[in-house]
């Protein structure tokens, strides 16, 4: 085999690595870091879009989604950790009124 026949295969392997394998490893590393920060009282969002607060964690995570309603889930189903406080959005004229879409014309 000469270089001309091997080069396309090597090029495909390199492109496959940079487009598929490397981003997947970065995503796995980020998910592992997210799961490492979990503890009781942590606000989370699941992959299904359910928001809740972690009650306990281990092989299964107990999440309180409403007062008195606790669900069991696998740690892999946790999409992200939600910050404890969401900053209030203010406009130059003061806090935005509920339902306000912008300045009156």
PDB file of N, CA and C in Angstrom:
ATOM      1  N   UNK A   1       0.849  -1.187   0.000  1.00  0.00           N
ATOM      2  CA  UNK A   1       0.000   0.000   0.000  1.00  0.00           C
ATOM      3  C   UNK A   1       0.888   1.241   0.000  1.00  0.00           C
ATOM      4  N   UNK A   2       0.510   2.157  -0.790  1.00  0.00           N
ATOM      5  CA  UNK A   2       1.268   3.391  -0.802  1.00  0.00           C
ATOM      6  C   UNK A   2       0.537   4.467   0.002  1.00  0.00           C
ATOM      7  N   UNK A   3       1.156   5.586   0.159  1.00  0.00           N
ATOM      8  CA  UNK A   3       0.647   6.680   0.992  1.00  0.00           C
ATOM      9  C   UNK A   3      -0.690   7.222   0.491  1.00  0.00           C
ATOM     10  N   UNK A   4      -0.907   7.222  -0.802  1.00  0.00           N
ATOM     11  CA  UNK A   4      -2.131   7.779  -1.383  1.00  0.00           C
ATOM     12  C   UNK A   4      -3.355   6.957  -0.968  1.00  0.00           C
ATOM     13  N   UNK A   5      -3.219   5.678  -0.772  1.00  0.00           N
ATOM     14  CA  UNK A   5      -4.367   4.860  -0.373  1.00  0.00           C
ATOM     15  C   UNK A   5      -4.596   4.879   1.128  1.00  0.00           C
ATOM     16  N   UNK A   6      -3.568   5.089   1.915  1.00  0.00           N
ATOM     17  CA  UNK A   6      -3.698   5.101   3.381  1.00  0.00           C
ATOM     18  C   UNK A   6      -4.129   6.472   3.896  1.00  0.00           C
ATOM     19  N   UNK A   7      -3.708   7.532   3.230  1.00  0.00           N
ATOM     20  CA  UNK A   7      -3.994   8.890   3.691  1.00  0.00           C
ATOM     21  C   UNK A   7      -5.484   9.184   3.883  1.00  0.00           C
ATOM     22  N   UNK A   8      -6.382   8.803   2.983  1.00  0.00           N
ATOM     23  CA  UNK A   8      -7.813   9.064   3.222  1.00  0.00           C
ATOM     24  C   UNK A   8      -8.347   8.356   4.473  1.00  0.00           C
ATOM     25  N   UNK A   9      -7.895   7.148   4.744  1.00  0.00           N
ATOM     26  CA  UNK A   9      -8.335   6.430   5.941  1.00  0.00           C
ATOM     27  C   UNK A   9      -7.856   7.133   7.212  1.00  0.00           C
ATOM     28  N   UNK A  10      -6.632   7.582   7.212  1.00  0.00           N
ATOM     29  CA  UNK A  10      -6.089   8.306   8.364  1.00  0.00           C
ATOM     30  C   UNK A  10      -6.836   9.616   8.549  1.00  0.00           C
ATOM     31  N   UNK A  11      -7.109  10.309   7.458  1.00  0.00           N
ATOM     32  CA  UNK A  11      -7.838  11.573   7.521  1.00  0.00           C
ATOM     33  C   UNK A  11      -9.250  11.366   8.075  1.00  0.00           C
ATOM     34  N   UNK A  12      -9.927  10.307   7.665  1.00  0.00           N
ATOM     35  CA  UNK A  12     -11.269   9.998   8.181  1.00  0.00           C
ATOM     36  C   UNK A  12     -11.203   9.706   9.679  1.00  0.00           C
ATOM     37  N   UNK A  13     -10.199   8.969  10.115  1.00  0.00           N
ATOM     38  CA  UNK A  13     -10.046   8.654  11.539  1.00  0.00           C
ATOM     39  C   UNK A  13      -9.816   9.923  12.359  1.00  0.00           C
ATOM     40  N   UNK A  14      -9.006  10.836  11.863  1.00  0.00           N
ATOM     41  CA  UNK A  14      -8.729  12.081  12.586  1.00  0.00           C
ATOM     42  C   UNK A  14      -9.987  12.940  12.661  1.00  0.00           C
ATOM     43  N   UNK A  15     -10.716  13.066  11.572  1.00  0.00           N
ATOM     44  CA  UNK A  15     -11.953  13.844  11.566  1.00  0.00           C
ATOM     45  C   UNK A  15     -12.978  13.216  12.508  1.00  0.00           C
ATOM     46  N   UNK A  16     -13.102  11.899  12.491  1.00  0.00           N
ATOM     47  CA  UNK A  16     -14.020  11.192  13.386  1.00  0.00           C
ATOM     48  C   UNK A  16     -13.670  11.482  14.839  1.00  0.00           C
ATOM     49  N   UNK A  17     -12.384  11.481  15.174  1.00  0.00           N
ATOM     50  CA  UNK A  17     -11.958  11.762  16.546  1.00  0.00           C
ATOM     51  C   UNK A  17     -12.376  13.168  16.968  1.00  0.00           C
ATOM     52  N   UNK A  18     -12.101  14.162  16.136  1.00  0.00           N
ATOM     53  CA  UNK A  18     -12.381  15.547  16.522  1.00  0.00           C
ATOM     54  C   UNK A  18     -13.869  15.892  16.483  1.00  0.00           C
ATOM     55  N   UNK A  19     -14.658  15.204  15.671  1.00  0.00           N
ATOM     56  CA  UNK A  19     -16.085  15.511  15.585  1.00  0.00           C
ATOM     57  C   UNK A  19     -16.948  14.652  16.499  1.00  0.00           C
ATOM     58  N   UNK A  20     -16.484  13.475  16.890  1.00  0.00           N
ATOM     59  CA  UNK A  20     -17.329  12.567  17.668  1.00  0.00           C
ATOM     60  C   UNK A  20     -16.756  12.243  19.048  1.00  0.00           C
ATOM     61  N   UNK A  21     -15.567  11.739  19.108  1.00  0.00           N
ATOM     62  CA  UNK A  21     -15.015  11.216  20.355  1.00  0.00           C
ATOM     63  C   UNK A  21     -14.634  12.325  21.317  1.00  0.00           C
ATOM     64  N   UNK A  22     -13.933  13.328  20.859  1.00  0.00           N
ATOM     65  CA  UNK A  22     -13.475  14.401  21.753  1.00  0.00           C
ATOM     66  C   UNK A  22     -14.629  15.164  22.403  1.00  0.00           C
ATOM     67  N   UNK A  23     -15.673  15.585  21.650  1.00  0.00           N
ATOM     68  CA  UNK A  23     -16.799  16.268  22.303  1.00  0.00           C
ATOM     69  C   UNK A  23     -17.541  15.359  23.293  1.00  0.00           C
ATOM     70  N   UNK A  24     -17.638  14.072  22.994  1.00  0.00           N
ATOM     71  CA  UNK A  24     -18.318  13.148  23.910  1.00  0.00           C
ATOM     72  C   UNK A  24     -17.549  13.027  25.229  1.00  0.00           C
ATOM     73  N   UNK A  25     -16.234  12.990  25.153  1.00  0.00           N
ATOM     74  CA  UNK A  25     -15.423  12.916  26.376  1.00  0.00           C
ATOM     75  C   UNK A  25     -15.572  14.192  27.197  1.00  0.00           C
ATOM     76  N   UNK A  26     -15.619  15.338  26.530  1.00  0.00           N
ATOM     77  CA  UNK A  26     -15.791  16.609  27.251  1.00  0.00           C
ATOM     78  C   UNK A  26     -17.154  16.655  27.931  1.00  0.00           C
ATOM     79  N   UNK A  27     -18.185  16.155  27.262  1.00  0.00           N
ATOM     80  CA  UNK A  27     -19.523  16.135  27.843  1.00  0.00           C
ATOM     81  C   UNK A  27     -19.574  15.200  29.053  1.00  0.00           C
ATOM     82  N   UNK A  28     -18.929  14.039  28.964  1.00  0.00           N
ATOM     83  CA  UNK A  28     -18.885  13.114  30.091  1.00  0.00           C
ATOM     84  C   UNK A  28     -18.156  13.724  31.277  1.00  0.00           C
ATOM     85  N   UNK A  29     -17.082  14.441  31.022  1.00  0.00           N
ATOM     86  CA  UNK A  29     -16.327  15.080  32.094  1.00  0.00           C
ATOM     87  C   UNK A  29     -17.167  16.155  32.782  1.00  0.00           C
ATOM     88  N   UNK A  30     -17.902  16.943  31.998  1.00  0.00           N
ATOM     89  CA  UNK A  30     -18.763  17.984  32.555  1.00  0.00           C
ATOM     90  C   UNK A  30     -19.886  17.363  33.389  1.00  0.00           C
ATOM     91  N   UNK A  31     -20.476  16.257  32.918  1.00  0.00           N
ATOM     92  CA  UNK A  31     -21.539  15.580  33.663  1.00  0.00           C
ATOM     93  C   UNK A  31     -21.000  15.027  34.982  1.00  0.00           C
ATOM     94  N   UNK A  32     -19.788  14.484  34.968  1.00  0.00           N
ATOM     95  CA  UNK A  32     -19.179  13.964  36.193  1.00  0.00           C
ATOM     96  C   UNK A  32     -18.941  15.094  37.197  1.00  0.00           C
ATOM     97  N   UNK A  33     -18.517  16.262  36.718  1.00  0.00           N
ATOM     98  CA  UNK A  33     -18.315  17.406  37.605  1.00  0.00           C
ATOM     99  C   UNK A  33     -19.641  17.870  38.188  1.00  0.00           C
ATOM    100  N   UNK A  34     -20.697  17.871  37.384  1.00  0.00           N
ATOM    101  CA  UNK A  34     -22.019  18.264  37.858  1.00  0.00           C
ATOM    102  C   UNK A  34     -22.495  17.318  38.948  1.00  0.00           C
ATOM    103  N   UNK A  35     -22.338  16.025  38.730  1.00  0.00           N
ATOM    104  CA  UNK A  35     -22.783  15.047  39.717  1.00  0.00           C
ATOM    105  C   UNK A  35     -21.956  15.114  40.999  1.00  0.00           C
ATOM    106  N   UNK A  36     -20.700  15.521  40.888  1.00  0.00           N
ATOM    107  CA  UNK A  36     -19.852  15.631  42.075  1.00  0.00           C
ATOM    108  C   UNK A  36     -20.289  16.785  42.974  1.00  0.00           C
ATOM    109  N   UNK A  37     -20.953  17.791  42.422  1.00  0.00           N
ATOM    110  CA  UNK A  37     -21.374  18.943  43.219  1.00  0.00           C
ATOM    111  C   UNK A  37     -22.730  18.734  43.881  1.00  0.00           C
ATOM    112  N   UNK A  38     -23.390  17.607  43.587  1.00  0.00           N
ATOM    113  CA  UNK A  38     -24.715  17.369  44.145  1.00  0.00           C
ATOM    114  C   UNK A  38     -24.648  17.093  45.639  1.00  0.00           C
ATOM    115  N   UNK A  39     -25.622  17.614  46.334  1.00  0.00           N
ATOM    116  CA  UNK A  39     -25.772  17.365  47.759  1.00  0.00           C
ATOM    117  C   UNK A  39     -27.174  17.760  48.162  1.00  0.00           C
ATOM    118  N   UNK A  40     -27.586  17.379  49.353  1.00  0.00           N
ATOM    119  CA  UNK A  40     -28.918  17.774  49.804  1.00  0.00           C
ATOM    120  C   UNK A  40     -29.103  19.288  49.734  1.00  0.00           C
ATOM    121  N   UNK A  41     -30.230  19.709  49.180  1.00  0.00           N
ATOM    122  CA  UNK A  41     -30.530  21.132  49.048  1.00  0.00           C
ATOM    123  C   UNK A  41     -30.148  21.730  47.715  1.00  0.00           C
ATOM    124  N   UNK A  42     -29.489  20.969  46.850  1.00  0.00           N
ATOM    125  CA  UNK A  42     -29.087  21.466  45.537  1.00  0.00           C
ATOM    126  C   UNK A  42     -30.294  21.498  44.614  1.00  0.00           C
ATOM    127  N   UNK A  43     -30.519  22.621  43.959  1.00  0.00           N
ATOM    128  CA  UNK A  43     -31.601  22.745  42.978  1.00  0.00           C
ATOM    129  C   UNK A  43     -31.108  22.212  41.644  1.00  0.00           C
ATOM    130  N   UNK A  44     -31.924  21.360  41.004  1.00  0.00           N
ATOM    131  CA  UNK A  44     -31.516  20.728  39.760  1.00  0.00           C
ATOM    132  C   UNK A  44     -32.623  20.792  38.715  1.00  0.00           C
ATOM    133  N   UNK A  45     -32.238  20.492  37.458  1.00  0.00           N
ATOM    134  CA  UNK A  45     -33.198  20.271  36.385  1.00  0.00           C
ATOM    135  C   UNK A  45     -32.846  18.927  35.765  1.00  0.00           C
ATOM    136  N   UNK A  46     -33.850  18.082  35.551  1.00  0.00           N
ATOM    137  CA  UNK A  46     -33.610  16.774  34.962  1.00  0.00           C
ATOM    138  C   UNK A  46     -33.606  16.864  33.445  1.00  0.00           C
ATOM    139  N   UNK A  47     -33.228  15.771  32.808  1.00  0.00           N
ATOM    140  CA  UNK A  47     -33.224  15.738  31.349  1.00  0.00           C
ATOM    141  C   UNK A  47     -34.635  15.829  30.787  1.00  0.00           C
ATOM    142  N   UNK A  48     -35.646  15.529  31.613  1.00  0.00           N
ATOM    143  CA  UNK A  48     -37.042  15.632  31.192  1.00  0.00           C
ATOM    144  C   UNK A  48     -37.616  17.023  31.449  1.00  0.00           C
ATOM    145  N   UNK A  49     -36.813  17.927  32.047  1.00  0.00           N
ATOM    146  CA  UNK A  49     -37.275  19.284  32.298  1.00  0.00           C
ATOM    147  C   UNK A  49     -37.968  19.454  33.634  1.00  0.00           C
ATOM    148  N   UNK A  50     -37.838  18.496  34.536  1.00  0.00           N
ATOM    149  CA  UNK A  50     -38.449  18.593  35.863  1.00  0.00           C
ATOM    150  C   UNK A  50     -37.465  19.301  36.789  1.00  0.00           C
ATOM    151  N   UNK A  51     -37.953  20.328  37.486  1.00  0.00           N
ATOM    152  CA  UNK A  51     -37.132  21.053  38.443  1.00  0.00           C
ATOM    153  C   UNK A  51     -37.403  20.507  39.836  1.00  0.00           C
ATOM    154  N   UNK A  52     -36.365  20.434  40.653  1.00  0.00           N
ATOM    155  CA  UNK A  52     -36.546  19.945  42.010  1.00  0.00           C
ATOM    156  C   UNK A  52     -35.330  20.214  42.862  1.00  0.00           C
ATOM    157  N   UNK A  53     -35.398  19.734  44.101  1.00  0.00           N
ATOM    158  CA  UNK A  53     -34.326  19.905  45.069  1.00  0.00           C
ATOM    159  C   UNK A  53     -33.864  18.529  45.529  1.00  0.00           C
ATOM    160  N   UNK A  54     -32.563  18.301  45.528  1.00  0.00           N
ATOM    161  CA  UNK A  54     -32.008  17.014  45.934  1.00  0.00           C
ATOM    162  C   UNK A  54     -32.225  16.826  47.431  1.00  0.00           C
ATOM    163  N   UNK A  55     -32.781  15.664  47.801  1.00  0.00           N
ATOM    164  CA  UNK A  55     -32.988  15.318  49.208  1.00  0.00           C
ATOM    165  C   UNK A  55     -31.823  14.457  49.680  1.00  0.00           C
ATOM    166  N   UNK A  56     -31.446  13.459  48.882  1.00  0.00           N
ATOM    167  CA  UNK A  56     -30.278  12.634  49.174  1.00  0.00           C
ATOM    168  C   UNK A  56     -29.755  12.068  47.867  1.00  0.00           C
ATOM    169  N   UNK A  57     -28.472  11.677  47.869  1.00  0.00           N
ATOM    170  CA  UNK A  57     -27.907  11.107  46.657  1.00  0.00           C
ATOM    171  C   UNK A  57     -27.058   9.898  46.988  1.00  0.00           C
ATOM    172  N   UNK A  58     -26.845   9.083  46.002  1.00  0.00           N
ATOM    173  CA  UNK A  58     -26.096   7.835  46.112  1.00  0.00           C
ATOM    174  C   UNK A  58     -26.226   7.141  44.773  1.00  0.00           C
ATOM    175  N   UNK A  59     -26.539   5.826  44.800  1.00  0.00           N
ATOM    176  CA  UNK A  59     -26.790   5.126  43.541  1.00  0.00           C
ATOM    177  C   UNK A  59     -28.041   5.669  42.868  1.00  0.00           C
ATOM    178  N   UNK A  60     -29.011   6.070  43.670  1.00  0.00           N
ATOM    179  CA  UNK A  60     -30.218   6.743  43.199  1.00  0.00           C
ATOM    180  C   UNK A  60     -30.313   8.084  43.916  1.00  0.00           C
ATOM    181  N   UNK A  61     -30.861   9.078  43.233  1.00  0.00           N
ATOM    182  CA  UNK A  61     -31.015  10.409  43.808  1.00  0.00           C
ATOM    183  C   UNK A  61     -32.484  10.601  44.153  1.00  0.00           C
ATOM    184  N   UNK A  62     -32.746  11.085  45.367  1.00  0.00           N
ATOM    185  CA  UNK A  62     -34.111  11.431  45.755  1.00  0.00           C
ATOM    186  C   UNK A  62     -34.279  12.919  45.539  1.00  0.00           C
ATOM    187  N   UNK A  63     -35.290  13.294  44.757  1.00  0.00           N
ATOM    188  CA  UNK A  63     -35.523  14.687  44.392  1.00  0.00           C
ATOM    189  C   UNK A  63     -36.926  15.081  44.820  1.00  0.00           C
ATOM    190  N   UNK A  64     -37.027  16.190  45.555  1.00  0.00           N
ATOM    191  CA  UNK A  64     -38.331  16.725  45.950  1.00  0.00           C
ATOM    192  C   UNK A  64     -38.758  17.712  44.876  1.00  0.00           C
ATOM    193  N   UNK A  65     -39.859  17.389  44.172  1.00  0.00           N
ATOM    194  CA  UNK A  65     -40.322  18.237  43.076  1.00  0.00           C
ATOM    195  C   UNK A  65     -41.447  19.161  43.504  1.00  0.00           C
ATOM    196  N   UNK A  66     -42.040  18.886  44.654  1.00  0.00           N
ATOM    197  CA  UNK A  66     -43.096  19.694  45.240  1.00  0.00           C
ATOM    198  C   UNK A  66     -43.097  19.353  46.719  1.00  0.00           C
ATOM    199  N   UNK A  67     -43.566  20.236  47.581  1.00  0.00           N
ATOM    200  CA  UNK A  67     -43.546  19.907  49.009  1.00  0.00           C
ATOM    201  C   UNK A  67     -44.234  18.568  49.283  1.00  0.00           C
ATOM    202  N   UNK A  68     -43.461  17.631  49.821  1.00  0.00           N
ATOM    203  CA  UNK A  68     -43.990  16.316  50.152  1.00  0.00           C
ATOM    204  C   UNK A  68     -43.980  15.309  49.016  1.00  0.00           C
ATOM    205  N   UNK A  69     -43.577  15.714  47.800  1.00  0.00           N
ATOM    206  CA  UNK A  69     -43.535  14.807  46.649  1.00  0.00           C
ATOM    207  C   UNK A  69     -42.074  14.541  46.297  1.00  0.00           C
ATOM    208  N   UNK A  70     -41.643  13.298  46.540  1.00  0.00           N
ATOM    209  CA  UNK A  70     -40.251  12.929  46.308  1.00  0.00           C
ATOM    210  C   UNK A  70     -40.210  11.828  45.261  1.00  0.00           C
ATOM    211  N   UNK A  71     -39.318  11.989  44.273  1.00  0.00           N
ATOM    212  CA  UNK A  71     -39.157  10.971  43.236  1.00  0.00           C
ATOM    213  C   UNK A  71     -37.735  10.416  43.299  1.00  0.00           C
ATOM    214  N   UNK A  72     -37.599   9.151  42.874  1.00  0.00           N
ATOM    215  CA  UNK A  72     -36.289   8.511  42.762  1.00  0.00           C
ATOM    216  C   UNK A  72     -35.844   8.607  41.319  1.00  0.00           C
ATOM    217  N   UNK A  73     -34.578   8.873  41.110  1.00  0.00           N
ATOM    218  CA  UNK A  73     -34.068   8.921  39.747  1.00  0.00           C
ATOM    219  C   UNK A  73     -32.597   8.549  39.727  1.00  0.00           C
ATOM    220  N   UNK A  74     -32.120   8.196  38.558  1.00  0.00           N
ATOM    221  CA  UNK A  74     -30.706   7.904  38.388  1.00  0.00           C
ATOM    222  C   UNK A  74     -29.936   9.209  38.237  1.00  0.00           C
ATOM    223  N   UNK A  75     -28.717   9.253  38.750  1.00  0.00           N
ATOM    224  CA  UNK A  75     -27.919  10.484  38.625  1.00  0.00           C
ATOM    225  C   UNK A  75     -27.695  10.916  37.174  1.00  0.00           C
ATOM    226  N   UNK A  76     -27.674   9.984  36.244  1.00  0.00           N
ATOM    227  CA  UNK A  76     -27.462  10.330  34.830  1.00  0.00           C
ATOM    228  C   UNK A  76     -28.608  11.151  34.260  1.00  0.00           C
ATOM    229  N   UNK A  77     -29.772  11.153  34.918  1.00  0.00           N
ATOM    230  CA  UNK A  77     -30.929  11.899  34.431  1.00  0.00           C
ATOM    231  C   UNK A  77     -30.902  13.360  34.860  1.00  0.00           C
ATOM    232  N   UNK A  78     -29.881  13.767  35.584  1.00  0.00           N
ATOM    233  CA  UNK A  78     -29.766  15.166  36.009  1.00  0.00           C
ATOM    234  C   UNK A  78     -29.036  15.934  34.919  1.00  0.00           C
ATOM    235  N   UNK A  79     -29.717  16.910  34.348  1.00  0.00           N
ATOM    236  CA  UNK A  79     -29.146  17.675  33.240  1.00  0.00           C
ATOM    237  C   UNK A  79     -28.222  18.782  33.727  1.00  0.00           C
ATOM    238  N   UNK A  80     -28.676  19.552  34.735  1.00  0.00           N
ATOM    239  CA  UNK A  80     -27.826  20.640  35.214  1.00  0.00           C
ATOM    240  C   UNK A  80     -28.237  21.064  36.608  1.00  0.00           C
ATOM    241  N   UNK A  81     -27.310  21.748  37.257  1.00  0.00           N
ATOM    242  CA  UNK A  81     -27.556  22.320  38.578  1.00  0.00           C
ATOM    243  C   UNK A  81     -28.020  23.747  38.374  1.00  0.00           C
ATOM    244  N   UNK A  82     -29.105  24.112  39.049  1.00  0.00           N
ATOM    245  CA  UNK A  82     -29.683  25.442  38.940  1.00  0.00           C
ATOM    246  C   UNK A  82     -29.126  26.306  40.078  1.00  0.00           C
ATOM    247  N   UNK A  83     -28.690  27.539  39.783  1.00  0.00           N
ATOM    248  CA  UNK A  83     -28.207  28.418  40.849  1.00  0.00           C
ATOM    249  C   UNK A  83     -29.292  28.644  41.904  1.00  0.00           C
ATOM    250  N   UNK A  84     -28.863  28.797  43.157  1.00  0.00           N
ATOM    251  CA  UNK A  84     -29.813  28.958  44.266  1.00  0.00           C
ATOM    252  C   UNK A  84     -30.657  30.215  44.099  1.00  0.00           C
ATOM    253  N   UNK A  85     -30.052  31.296  43.665  1.00  0.00           N
ATOM    254  CA  UNK A  85     -30.786  32.547  43.513  1.00  0.00           C
ATOM    255  C   UNK A  85     -30.735  32.988  42.056  1.00  0.00           C
ATOM    256  N   UNK A  86     -31.880  33.347  41.536  1.00  0.00           N
ATOM    257  CA  UNK A  86     -31.957  33.889  40.181  1.00  0.00           C
ATOM    258  C   UNK A  86     -32.012  35.410  40.311  1.00  0.00           C
ATOM    259  N   UNK A  87     -31.086  36.122  39.671  1.00  0.00           N
ATOM    260  CA  UNK A  87     -31.099  37.576  39.799  1.00  0.00           C
ATOM    261  C   UNK A  87     -32.366  38.176  39.195  1.00  0.00           C
ATOM    262  N   UNK A  88     -32.897  39.191  39.863  1.00  0.00           N
ATOM    263  CA  UNK A  88     -34.101  39.858  39.385  1.00  0.00           C
ATOM    264  C   UNK A  88     -33.732  40.801  38.257  1.00  0.00           C
ATOM    265  N   UNK A  89     -34.507  40.757  37.192  1.00  0.00           N
ATOM    266  CA  UNK A  89     -34.248  41.629  36.047  1.00  0.00           C
ATOM    267  C   UNK A  89     -34.855  42.996  36.304  1.00  0.00           C
ATOM    268  N   UNK A  90     -34.043  44.018  36.198  1.00  0.00           N
ATOM    269  CA  UNK A  90     -34.502  45.387  36.402  1.00  0.00           C
ATOM    270  C   UNK A  90     -34.388  46.156  35.097  1.00  0.00           C
ATOM    271  N   UNK A  91     -35.285  47.076  34.917  1.00  0.00           N
ATOM    272  CA  UNK A  91     -35.222  47.992  33.788  1.00  0.00           C
ATOM    273  C   UNK A  91     -34.734  49.328  34.316  1.00  0.00           C
ATOM    274  N   UNK A  92     -34.355  50.259  33.457  1.00  0.00           N
ATOM    275  CA  UNK A  92     -33.910  51.570  33.937  1.00  0.00           C
ATOM    276  C   UNK A  92     -34.988  52.308  34.735  1.00  0.00           C
ATOM    277  N   UNK A  93     -36.268  52.000  34.487  1.00  0.00           N
ATOM    278  CA  UNK A  93     -37.360  52.671  35.187  1.00  0.00           C
ATOM    279  C   UNK A  93     -37.777  51.945  36.455  1.00  0.00           C
ATOM    280  N   UNK A  94     -37.113  50.854  36.792  1.00  0.00           N
ATOM    281  CA  UNK A  94     -37.472  50.073  37.976  1.00  0.00           C
ATOM    282  C   UNK A  94     -37.732  48.638  37.587  1.00  0.00           C
ATOM    283  N   UNK A  95     -38.178  47.825  38.539  1.00  0.00           N
ATOM    284  CA  UNK A  95     -38.432  46.415  38.236  1.00  0.00           C
ATOM    285  C   UNK A  95     -39.509  46.264  37.168  1.00  0.00           C
ATOM    286  N   UNK A  96     -39.343  45.268  36.334  1.00  0.00           N
ATOM    287  CA  UNK A  96     -40.313  45.004  35.275  1.00  0.00           C
ATOM    288  C   UNK A  96     -41.602  44.480  35.881  1.00  0.00           C
ATOM    289  N   UNK A  97     -42.730  44.970  35.375  1.00  0.00           N
ATOM    290  CA  UNK A  97     -44.041  44.532  35.849  1.00  0.00           C
ATOM    291  C   UNK A  97     -44.365  43.193  35.215  1.00  0.00           C
ATOM    292  N   UNK A  98     -45.041  42.300  35.949  1.00  0.00           N
ATOM    293  CA  UNK A  98     -45.416  41.010  35.359  1.00  0.00           C
ATOM    294  C   UNK A  98     -46.274  41.222  34.126  1.00  0.00           C
ATOM    295  N   UNK A  99     -45.929  40.521  33.056  1.00  0.00           N
ATOM    296  CA  UNK A  99     -46.702  40.624  31.824  1.00  0.00           C
ATOM    297  C   UNK A  99     -46.340  41.802  30.950  1.00  0.00           C
ATOM    298  N   UNK A 100     -45.431  42.646  31.397  1.00  0.00           N
ATOM    299  CA  UNK A 100     -45.049  43.805  30.589  1.00  0.00           C
ATOM    300  C   UNK A 100     -44.146  43.336  29.466  1.00  0.00           C
ATOM    301  N   UNK A 101     -44.413  43.811  28.258  1.00  0.00           N
ATOM    302  CA  UNK A 101     -43.624  43.382  27.109  1.00  0.00           C
ATOM    303  C   UNK A 101     -42.626  44.433  26.669  1.00  0.00           C
ATOM    304  N   UNK A 102     -42.638  45.574  27.252  1.00  0.00           N
ATOM    305  CA  UNK A 102     -41.681  46.595  26.863  1.00  0.00           C
ATOM    306  C   UNK A 102     -42.292  47.986  27.029  1.00  0.00           C
ATOM    307  N   UNK A 103     -41.580  49.006  26.543  1.00  0.00           N
ATOM    308  CA  UNK A 103     -42.098  50.369  26.683  1.00  0.00           C
ATOM    309  C   UNK A 103     -43.345  50.581  25.814  1.00  0.00           C
ATOM    310  N   UNK A 104     -44.244  51.388  26.352  1.00  0.00           N
ATOM    311  CA  UNK A 104     -45.476  51.700  25.626  1.00  0.00           C
ATOM    312  C   UNK A 104     -45.173  52.622  24.463  1.00  0.00           C
ATOM    313  N   UNK A 105     -45.835  52.421  23.346  1.00  0.00           N
ATOM    314  CA  UNK A 105     -45.578  53.232  22.153  1.00  0.00           C
ATOM    315  C   UNK A 105     -46.557  54.370  22.071  1.00  0.00           C
TER     316      UNK A 105
END
